[in-house]
Protein backbone atom coordinates (compact mmCIF):
# COMPACT_ATOMS: atom_id res chain seq x y z
CA UNK A 1 -112.04 122.95 -13.79
CA UNK A 2 -111.93 120.95 -10.58
CA UNK A 3 -112.34 121.65 -6.87
CA UNK A 4 -109.36 121.59 -4.53
CA UNK A 5 -108.13 122.77 -1.13
CA UNK A 6 -105.33 125.33 -0.87
CA UNK A 7 -102.77 125.65 1.96
CA UNK A 8 -100.36 128.58 2.00
CA UNK A 9 -97.58 126.61 3.73
CA UNK A 10 -97.40 129.16 6.56
CA UNK A 11 -100.37 128.03 8.65
CA UNK A 12 -102.80 125.15 9.01
CA UNK A 13 -105.67 127.19 7.54
CA UNK A 14 -107.24 125.67 4.42
CA UNK A 15 -109.15 127.42 1.67
CA UNK A 16 -111.44 126.06 -1.03
CA UNK A 17 -110.27 126.89 -4.55
CA UNK A 18 -110.83 125.85 -8.13
CA UNK A 19 -108.06 124.43 -10.27
CA UNK A 20 -107.64 124.66 -14.02
CA UNK A 21 -104.79 123.26 -16.12
CA UNK A 22 -104.49 124.49 -19.69
CA UNK A 23 -101.50 124.38 -22.03
CA UNK A 24 -99.41 123.17 -19.09
CA UNK A 25 -100.31 126.21 -16.98
CA UNK A 26 -101.89 125.54 -13.59
CA UNK A 27 -104.31 128.27 -12.51
CA UNK A 28 -105.60 128.45 -8.92
CA UNK A 29 -108.57 130.66 -8.12
CA UNK A 30 -110.32 131.30 -4.82
CA UNK A 31 -111.34 133.93 -2.31
CA UNK A 32 -108.21 136.08 -2.03
CA UNK A 33 -106.13 133.46 -3.83
CA UNK A 34 -105.08 133.79 -7.44
CA UNK A 35 -101.98 131.91 -8.56
CA UNK A 36 -100.62 130.44 -11.76
CA UNK A 37 -97.60 128.18 -12.32
CA UNK A 38 -96.07 126.14 -15.05
CA UNK A 39 -96.93 122.49 -14.52
CA UNK A 40 -93.24 121.57 -14.75
CA UNK A 41 -92.54 123.61 -11.57
CA UNK A 42 -95.01 121.64 -9.46
CA UNK A 43 -94.16 118.50 -7.51
CA UNK A 44 -97.06 116.08 -8.02
CA UNK A 45 -97.56 113.25 -5.51
CA UNK A 46 -98.19 109.74 -6.75
CA UNK A 47 -101.78 108.62 -7.17
CA UNK A 48 -103.25 106.55 -4.32
CA UNK A 49 -106.74 105.05 -4.25
CA UNK A 50 -107.95 106.52 -0.97
CA UNK A 51 -105.84 109.62 -0.48
CA UNK A 52 -106.01 113.09 -2.03
CA UNK A 53 -103.45 114.02 -4.60
CA UNK A 54 -101.03 116.74 -3.53
CA UNK A 55 -99.53 119.42 -5.76
CA UNK A 56 -96.63 121.14 -4.01
CA UNK A 57 -96.19 124.72 -5.16
CA UNK A 58 -93.03 126.81 -5.44
CA UNK A 59 -92.55 128.80 -2.23
CA UNK A 60 -93.98 126.18 0.12
CA UNK A 61 -97.73 126.17 -0.50
CA UNK A 62 -99.61 123.09 -1.67
CA UNK A 63 -102.97 121.90 -2.94
CA UNK A 64 -105.01 118.82 -2.00
CA UNK A 65 -107.57 117.40 -4.40
CA UNK A 66 -109.55 114.16 -4.45
CA UNK A 67 -111.36 115.12 -7.65
CA UNK A 68 -110.93 112.27 -10.19
CA UNK A 69 -110.80 114.86 -12.94
CA UNK A 70 -107.33 115.91 -11.80
CA UNK A 71 -105.75 112.81 -13.31
CA UNK A 72 -107.40 113.51 -16.67
CA UNK A 73 -106.21 117.12 -16.61
CA UNK A 74 -102.68 116.08 -15.81
CA UNK A 75 -102.58 113.50 -18.60
CA UNK A 76 -104.13 115.93 -21.07
CA UNK A 77 -101.36 118.40 -20.35
CA UNK A 78 -98.57 115.91 -20.92
CA UNK A 79 -97.86 114.93 -17.33
CA UNK A 80 -96.47 111.38 -17.02
CA UNK A 81 -96.30 109.46 -13.79
CA UNK A 82 -92.75 108.59 -12.68
CA UNK A 83 -91.52 105.24 -13.93
CA UNK A 84 -91.67 103.63 -10.48
CA UNK A 85 -95.32 104.67 -10.07
CA UNK A 86 -96.17 103.29 -13.52
CA UNK A 87 -94.52 100.01 -12.56
CA UNK A 88 -96.53 99.88 -9.33
CA UNK A 89 -99.75 100.09 -11.30
CA UNK A 90 -98.84 97.03 -13.39
CA UNK A 91 -98.83 93.85 -11.31
CA UNK A 92 -96.41 91.84 -13.54
CA UNK A 93 -93.79 94.55 -13.13
CA UNK A 94 -94.55 94.90 -9.43
CA UNK A 95 -94.09 91.17 -9.04
CA UNK A 96 -90.83 91.34 -10.98
CA UNK A 97 -89.63 94.17 -8.72
CA UNK A 98 -90.54 92.17 -5.61
CA UNK A 99 -88.75 89.07 -6.87
CA UNK A 100 -85.71 91.17 -7.79
CA UNK A 101 -85.66 92.77 -4.33
CA UNK A 102 -85.83 89.36 -2.66
CA UNK A 103 -83.01 88.13 -4.89
CA UNK A 104 -80.86 91.14 -3.94
CA UNK A 105 -81.58 90.64 -0.22
CA UNK A 106 -80.77 86.92 -0.40
CA UNK A 107 -77.59 87.56 -2.38
CA UNK A 108 -76.58 90.25 0.10
CA UNK A 109 -77.13 87.92 3.03
CA UNK A 110 -75.47 84.97 1.33
CA UNK A 111 -72.45 86.69 -0.17
CA UNK A 112 -72.45 90.41 0.58
CA UNK A 113 -72.67 90.25 4.37
CA UNK A 114 -69.99 87.51 4.71
CA UNK A 115 -67.71 89.53 2.43
CA UNK A 116 -68.31 92.70 4.46
CA UNK A 117 -67.78 90.81 7.73
CA UNK A 118 -64.54 89.26 6.44
CA UNK A 119 -63.21 92.57 5.14
CA UNK A 120 -64.06 94.47 8.31
CA UNK A 121 -62.73 91.75 10.62
CA UNK A 122 -59.38 91.87 8.85
CA UNK A 123 -59.24 95.68 9.15
CA UNK A 124 -60.34 96.10 12.78
CA UNK A 125 -57.75 97.69 15.07
CA UNK A 126 -55.97 95.18 17.27
CA UNK A 127 -57.20 96.97 20.40
CA UNK A 128 -60.82 96.13 19.54
CA UNK A 129 -60.49 92.39 19.15
CA UNK A 130 -58.00 92.21 22.02
CA UNK A 131 -60.53 93.80 24.35
CA UNK A 132 -63.35 91.55 23.12
CA UNK A 133 -61.21 88.44 23.70
CA UNK A 134 -60.00 89.61 27.13
CA UNK A 135 -63.54 90.24 28.34
CA UNK A 136 -64.72 86.93 26.94
CA UNK A 137 -61.89 85.06 28.71
CA UNK A 138 -62.81 86.77 32.00
CA UNK A 139 -66.42 85.70 31.61
CA UNK A 140 -65.43 82.14 30.77
CA UNK A 141 -63.13 81.85 33.79
CA UNK A 142 -65.80 83.21 36.11
CA UNK A 143 -68.59 80.90 35.08
CA UNK A 144 -67.53 78.00 32.89
CA UNK A 145 -63.94 76.99 33.50
CA UNK A 146 -61.64 76.19 36.40
CA UNK A 147 -57.84 76.33 36.63
CA UNK A 148 -56.16 73.44 34.86
CA UNK A 149 -55.18 70.42 36.90
CA UNK A 150 -52.63 69.25 34.36
CA UNK A 151 -49.15 69.27 35.79
CA UNK A 152 -47.33 72.52 34.90
CA UNK A 153 -44.62 70.43 33.26
CA UNK A 154 -47.20 68.75 31.01
CA UNK A 155 -48.71 72.08 30.04
CA UNK A 156 -45.30 73.48 29.18
CA UNK A 157 -44.41 70.36 27.19
CA UNK A 158 -47.52 70.72 25.02
CA UNK A 159 -46.90 74.43 24.58
CA UNK A 160 -43.38 73.73 23.38
CA UNK A 161 -44.52 70.97 21.02
CA UNK A 162 -47.03 73.27 19.35
CA UNK A 163 -44.68 76.27 19.33
CA UNK A 164 -42.09 74.25 17.43
CA UNK A 165 -44.49 73.60 14.54
CA UNK A 166 -44.22 75.66 11.39
CA UNK A 167 -47.41 77.42 10.40
CA UNK A 168 -48.70 76.91 6.84
CA UNK A 169 -47.38 79.16 4.06
CA UNK A 170 -44.84 80.72 6.40
CA UNK A 171 -47.54 82.53 8.41
CA UNK A 172 -46.76 83.97 11.83
CA UNK A 173 -50.19 84.10 13.44
CA UNK A 174 -49.85 85.23 17.05
CA UNK A 175 -51.57 83.09 19.70
CA UNK A 176 -51.39 82.14 23.38
CA UNK A 177 -52.15 78.61 24.54
CA UNK A 178 -54.02 78.28 27.84
CA UNK A 179 -55.22 75.18 29.68
CA UNK A 180 -58.41 75.00 31.71
CA UNK A 181 -60.46 72.37 33.45
CA UNK A 182 -63.94 72.26 31.94
CA UNK A 183 -67.18 71.99 33.84
CA UNK A 184 -68.81 70.55 30.75
CA UNK A 185 -66.94 68.36 28.28
CA UNK A 186 -63.73 67.79 26.29
CA UNK A 187 -63.33 70.98 24.34
CA UNK A 188 -60.96 73.42 22.64
CA UNK A 189 -61.76 76.85 21.28
CA UNK A 190 -60.16 80.09 20.16
CA UNK A 191 -60.93 83.64 21.27
CA UNK A 192 -60.68 86.76 19.08
CA UNK A 193 -57.53 87.95 20.87
CA UNK A 194 -55.59 84.83 19.82
CA UNK A 195 -56.01 82.89 23.07
CA UNK A 196 -56.54 79.16 22.44
CA UNK A 197 -58.18 77.26 25.29
CA UNK A 198 -57.46 73.53 25.54
CA UNK A 199 -59.33 71.70 28.28
CA UNK A 200 -57.75 69.03 30.46
CA UNK A 201 -60.56 66.74 29.38
CA UNK A 202 -59.62 67.06 25.70
CA UNK A 203 -55.96 66.29 26.42
CA UNK A 204 -56.96 63.22 28.44
CA UNK A 205 -59.56 62.08 25.92
CA UNK A 206 -57.18 62.44 22.97
CA UNK A 207 -54.41 60.53 24.77
CA UNK A 208 -52.11 61.29 21.83
CA UNK A 209 -49.83 64.26 21.20
CA UNK A 210 -50.44 64.25 17.46
CA UNK A 211 -54.21 64.38 17.97
CA UNK A 212 -53.83 67.27 20.43
CA UNK A 213 -51.60 69.13 17.96
CA UNK A 214 -54.17 68.60 15.21
CA UNK A 215 -56.92 70.11 17.38
CA UNK A 216 -54.66 73.04 18.24
CA UNK A 217 -53.93 73.54 14.53
CA UNK A 218 -57.67 73.63 13.90
CA UNK A 219 -58.15 76.32 16.56
CA UNK A 220 -55.21 78.32 15.22
CA UNK A 221 -57.03 78.28 11.88
CA UNK A 222 -59.97 79.99 13.59
CA UNK A 223 -57.60 82.63 14.97
CA UNK A 224 -55.85 83.18 11.64
CA UNK A 225 -59.11 83.63 9.74
CA UNK A 226 -60.76 85.78 12.47
CA UNK A 227 -63.74 83.46 12.56
CA UNK A 228 -65.03 84.73 15.92
CA UNK A 229 -65.38 88.31 14.73
CA UNK A 230 -66.68 87.34 11.30
CA UNK A 231 -69.31 85.11 12.85
CA UNK A 232 -70.37 87.85 15.25
CA UNK A 233 -70.76 90.37 12.43
CA UNK A 234 -72.60 87.97 10.14
CA UNK A 235 -75.02 86.81 12.81
CA UNK A 236 -75.71 90.20 14.35
CA UNK A 237 -76.09 91.67 10.87
CA UNK A 238 -75.34 95.07 9.50
CA UNK A 239 -76.00 96.81 12.82
CA UNK A 240 -72.66 95.63 14.18
CA UNK A 241 -70.91 96.47 10.92
CA UNK A 242 -72.32 100.01 10.94
CA UNK A 243 -71.41 100.58 14.60
CA UNK A 244 -67.85 99.52 13.90
CA UNK A 245 -67.57 101.53 10.70
CA UNK A 246 -68.66 104.77 12.38
CA UNK A 247 -66.41 104.14 15.34
CA UNK A 248 -69.06 103.44 18.00
CA UNK A 249 -67.60 100.21 19.37
CA UNK A 250 -68.84 100.58 22.94
CA UNK A 251 -72.13 98.75 22.39
CA UNK A 252 -70.37 96.02 20.42
CA UNK A 253 -67.77 95.52 23.14
CA UNK A 254 -70.49 95.30 25.77
CA UNK A 255 -72.41 92.56 23.98
CA UNK A 256 -69.62 90.63 22.26
CA UNK A 257 -68.31 88.48 25.15
CA UNK A 258 -71.74 87.04 25.98
CA UNK A 259 -72.55 86.62 22.31
CA UNK A 260 -69.32 84.84 21.45
CA UNK A 261 -69.62 82.56 24.47
CA UNK A 262 -72.64 80.81 23.01
CA UNK A 263 -71.65 80.99 19.35
CA UNK A 264 -71.36 78.10 16.97
CA UNK A 265 -69.26 78.60 13.88
CA UNK A 266 -70.77 77.88 10.51
CA UNK A 267 -69.74 74.63 8.87
CA UNK A 268 -67.84 76.61 6.23
CA UNK A 269 -65.71 78.14 8.98
CA UNK A 270 -65.12 74.69 10.46
CA UNK A 271 -64.07 73.35 7.08
CA UNK A 272 -61.64 76.26 6.71
CA UNK A 273 -60.17 75.50 10.15
CA UNK A 274 -59.93 71.78 9.32
CA UNK A 275 -58.11 72.67 6.10
CA UNK A 276 -55.71 74.87 8.06
CA UNK A 277 -54.99 72.01 10.49
CA UNK A 278 -54.36 69.62 7.61
CA UNK A 279 -51.96 72.08 5.97
CA UNK A 280 -50.16 72.63 9.27
CA UNK A 281 -49.79 68.92 10.02
CA UNK A 282 -48.51 68.27 6.49
CA UNK A 283 -46.07 71.17 6.77
CA UNK A 284 -44.58 69.45 9.82
CA UNK A 285 -44.83 65.85 8.53
CA UNK A 286 -47.23 64.86 11.32
CA UNK A 287 -49.70 62.05 10.55
CA UNK A 288 -53.37 62.99 10.48
CA UNK A 289 -54.70 59.57 11.44
CA UNK A 290 -54.52 60.34 15.21
CA UNK A 291 -56.74 63.38 14.65
CA UNK A 292 -59.16 61.24 12.62
CA UNK A 293 -59.12 58.60 15.39
CA UNK A 294 -59.95 61.33 17.93
CA UNK A 295 -62.95 62.46 15.93
CA UNK A 296 -64.13 58.85 15.68
CA UNK A 297 -63.89 58.51 19.45
CA UNK A 298 -65.68 61.84 19.98
CA UNK A 299 -68.40 60.82 17.56
CA UNK A 300 -68.93 57.47 19.23
CA UNK A 301 -69.08 59.05 22.68
CA UNK A 302 -71.44 61.74 21.40
CA UNK A 303 -73.77 59.11 19.89
CA UNK A 304 -73.66 57.06 23.08
CA UNK A 305 -74.47 60.14 25.17
CA UNK A 306 -77.49 61.05 23.04
CA UNK A 307 -78.67 57.48 23.04
CA UNK A 308 -78.64 57.51 26.82
CA UNK A 309 -80.58 60.75 27.15
CA UNK A 310 -83.87 58.98 27.85
CA UNK A 311 -82.54 56.86 30.72
CA UNK A 312 -82.29 59.60 33.36
CA UNK A 313 -85.70 60.90 32.34
CA UNK A 314 -87.35 57.56 33.10
CA UNK A 315 -85.74 57.63 36.50
CA UNK A 316 -87.16 61.07 37.20
CA UNK A 317 -83.83 62.79 36.87
CA UNK A 318 -83.13 65.85 34.78
CA UNK A 319 -80.24 66.19 32.41
CA UNK A 320 -79.24 69.70 31.45
CA UNK A 321 -77.27 70.77 28.43
CA UNK A 322 -74.31 71.44 30.68
CA UNK A 323 -74.23 67.75 31.64
CA UNK A 324 -74.11 66.59 28.05
CA UNK A 325 -70.52 66.06 26.90
CA UNK A 326 -68.89 66.61 23.56
CA UNK A 327 -70.58 69.79 22.38
CA UNK A 328 -67.32 70.23 20.48
CA UNK A 329 -68.95 68.35 17.61
CA UNK A 330 -72.30 70.09 17.58
CA UNK A 331 -71.70 72.65 14.84
CA UNK A 332 -68.96 70.92 12.89
CA UNK A 333 -69.36 69.12 9.58
CA UNK A 334 -70.50 65.52 9.88
CA UNK A 335 -68.12 63.06 11.50
CA UNK A 336 -67.98 61.04 8.28
CA UNK A 337 -67.03 64.10 6.22
CA UNK A 338 -64.29 65.23 8.58
CA UNK A 339 -62.83 61.80 9.17
CA UNK A 340 -62.92 61.01 5.46
CA UNK A 341 -61.13 64.24 4.64
CA UNK A 342 -58.45 63.64 7.25
CA UNK A 343 -57.80 60.07 6.18
CA UNK A 344 -57.74 61.06 2.51
CA UNK A 345 -55.21 63.81 3.31
CA UNK A 346 -53.16 61.28 5.25
CA UNK A 347 -53.10 58.95 2.26
CA UNK A 348 -55.31 56.29 3.88
């Protein structure tokens, strides 16, 4: 027999009782309280070192007891702790469970979340990614880009050149090519709604139609594979995925333009886009060496720019990130890898 505290489940009033368990029958006895239940009908809380054990009774009442004899009574009457509780009391199994949980979380982040992001991005209604891209383009035009200064005839010529190319595997990915003057550096990027932005500076820096077409093919690869949306979902995590799955897209739409503006694709995404550009150039019998030459020039200019970073500082001048050119390379695979792949694909 052990001491315990009884609560009727209807009020906060407690009452001291005694508790006896015999032949799997739990008997409760106290002033005005006399109850008996089969042990199998009680819900027994797990054992904790510094907390009373709780026996929840049918009908809503419950009993608290810190008496160490309760564990012996329970065991004597055939009660077994749940398997999870037994594991928790054995440190090798607890360690195994912890390692297993970490493995599941890592696998989910490494493979599960990208798969979910890819699947969801391919299934999103067109209206969602159109609105995200439209709002992002508005933000870009307001703060980061100016109207193109390329002659309208030159813009149209480049549009026609790219439009005449066949997409790989007979695909018909929709896009819209826009030109802008950058306040930062030679650049090209794709928005979720299929808009591809080519800066005047990139056209001038490339100084070669085939190189420009290769860059545009790369950006079309981002559009075709929905890299913007996939990156957003992977980086923001399951919160974005859940919001989109349950139909609450308002918060996602509000945050997406600013988020995408500062994004950097993963190197795997960049490799996918490079592969798409290679396939597209091959499909149209366009040499890849001009694209490789462009990346060599970009890499050399990027290295020169970083090597010169300390000069303005010694002169007391500041140099912001906006003044640094060629961020186009910052999140891509290494120059050597990309150039080697292009030249190998070109047979050189």
